[in-house]
Each structure stands twice: as C-alpha cells, then as structure tokens.
Protein backbone atom coordinates (compact mmCIF):
# COMPACT_ATOMS: atom_id res chain seq x y z
CA MET A 1 90.02 133.20 61.82
CA ASN A 2 88.92 134.53 58.44
CA ASP A 3 85.30 133.81 59.41
CA LEU A 4 85.70 135.96 62.50
CA ARG A 5 87.41 138.70 60.51
CA SER A 6 84.63 138.74 57.92
CA GLU A 7 81.95 138.82 60.63
CA ILE A 8 83.36 141.77 62.57
CA GLY A 9 85.56 143.61 60.07
CA ASP A 10 89.30 144.32 60.00
CA ASP A 11 89.34 147.14 62.55
CA ASP A 12 87.34 145.26 65.17
CA PHE A 13 89.26 142.08 64.39
CA ALA A 14 92.53 143.73 65.39
CA GLU A 15 90.91 144.75 68.68
CA VAL A 16 89.61 141.22 69.29
CA VAL A 17 93.04 139.72 68.56
CA ALA A 18 94.72 142.18 70.93
CA LEU A 19 92.17 141.43 73.66
CA PHE A 20 92.53 137.68 73.22
CA LEU A 21 96.30 137.84 73.37
CA GLU A 22 96.21 140.02 76.47
CA GLU A 23 93.80 137.69 78.26
CA ALA A 24 95.54 134.53 77.02
CA ASP A 25 98.94 135.84 78.13
CA GLU A 26 97.45 136.39 81.59
CA VAL A 27 96.02 132.85 81.73
CA ILE A 28 99.22 131.30 80.36
CA GLY A 29 101.16 133.19 83.03
CA ARG A 30 99.04 131.85 85.88
CA ILE A 31 98.02 128.39 84.67
CA SER A 32 99.11 125.74 87.11
CA LYS A 33 98.46 122.12 87.91
CA THR A 34 98.61 122.99 91.60
CA ALA A 35 95.51 125.21 91.35
CA GLY A 36 93.44 122.04 91.08
CA ALA A 37 91.66 120.19 88.33
CA LYS A 38 88.61 122.50 88.19
CA ALA A 39 90.69 125.68 87.83
CA LEU A 40 92.91 124.00 85.25
CA GLU A 41 89.86 122.80 83.33
CA ALA A 42 88.35 126.32 83.33
CA ASP A 43 91.59 127.95 82.15
CA LEU A 44 92.04 125.40 79.38
CA HIS A 45 88.41 125.80 78.31
CA PHE A 46 88.87 129.57 78.00
CA LEU A 47 92.10 129.18 76.04
CA LYS A 48 90.56 126.55 73.74
CA GLY A 49 87.60 128.74 72.83
CA ALA A 50 89.70 131.77 72.06
CA ALA A 51 92.24 129.67 70.15
CA LEU A 52 89.53 128.19 67.95
CA ASN A 53 88.26 131.67 67.09
CA LEU A 54 91.74 132.70 65.96
CA GLY A 55 92.57 129.51 64.10
CA PHE A 56 95.22 128.25 66.53
CA ALA A 57 94.32 124.64 65.71
CA GLN A 58 97.22 122.81 67.35
CA PHE A 59 97.07 124.96 70.46
CA ALA A 60 93.30 124.42 70.68
CA ALA A 61 93.84 120.66 70.40
CA PHE A 62 96.33 120.71 73.29
CA CYS A 63 93.86 122.75 75.34
CA GLN A 64 91.01 120.39 74.52
CA GLU A 65 93.00 117.31 75.54
CA GLY A 66 94.10 118.98 78.77
CA GLU A 67 90.59 120.18 79.48
CA ARG A 68 89.25 116.65 78.98
CA ARG A 69 91.85 115.21 81.33
CA ALA A 70 91.30 117.91 83.96
CA ALA A 71 87.54 117.31 83.82
CA GLY A 72 88.31 113.77 84.92
CA GLY A 73 90.50 115.02 87.78
CA ASP A 74 93.81 114.41 86.00
CA THR A 75 96.11 117.43 86.26
CA ALA A 76 99.03 115.72 84.48
CA VAL A 77 98.88 118.19 81.59
CA ASP A 78 102.13 119.04 79.82
CA LEU A 79 102.08 122.79 80.50
CA ALA A 80 105.49 123.31 78.87
CA GLN A 81 104.15 121.85 75.62
CA LEU A 82 100.97 123.89 75.95
CA CYS A 83 102.91 127.13 76.47
CA SER A 84 105.27 126.30 73.60
CA SER A 85 102.31 125.72 71.28
CA TYR A 86 100.79 129.02 72.35
CA GLN A 87 104.03 130.90 71.66
CA ALA A 88 104.36 129.22 68.25
CA SER A 89 100.75 130.13 67.42
CA LYS A 90 101.35 133.76 68.38
CA ALA A 91 104.52 133.88 66.29
CA ALA A 92 102.68 132.49 63.29
CA LEU A 93 99.88 135.03 63.75
CA PHE A 94 102.35 137.93 63.91
CA ALA A 95 104.27 136.59 60.90
CA GLY A 96 101.01 136.38 58.95
CA GLN A 97 100.03 139.92 59.94
CA SER A 98 103.42 141.24 58.88
CA ALA A 99 103.24 139.43 55.55
CA SER A 100 99.75 140.74 54.78
CA ALA A 101 100.78 144.30 55.73
CA ALA A 102 103.68 144.23 53.28
C-alpha cells in the first residue's frame, strides 16, 4: 500500500482507495456461488488484485484460493469468511487512516 501511495501521491491515493472500496463493496454485495464458476472466478480475481494494491494480505489470500478453486469449476468458496475478511481489512484501513490523521 505504501508503494502505491508513493507512486501516485497522497491526494490521488485517497481517491484510489475510495474507488476501490466502492467497487469492492459492489462486488462483495453481488458475489454468489450460484452465478457460476466463471463469474465467481472473475469477481475473486478483481477483488484479489485490488486487495493486493491496498495491502489487504489475508483478504487477497482468501480471494486467490477461491479464484483457484473456481477456475477448476469448484464454487465451494466460503463467502462468509471472505466477506468477514474484507470487512476486517476495511476496518483496519480506516483505523490506520484515523491514527495517521491524529
């Protein structure tokens, strides 16, 4: 995350974070095993890439594992765990932003 911040600057970084969270919230809200393995794989791939850019390591790992399984046709991804990890990552990000603003 610090690499991204140093590449684009603090002002643009805040915009990128806001955009990611908006798009990720949308994907998290619609992600479903019933959409099929290919759709699940694509959603998890998107989430993984954005998570890696923001330093959401655990969340990215869950996405990567789910993406790998979905690529093989397996939609038995623990979406509750995935969503919980995403929420925890967001909370940690906001806590870090609040701490650095103080």
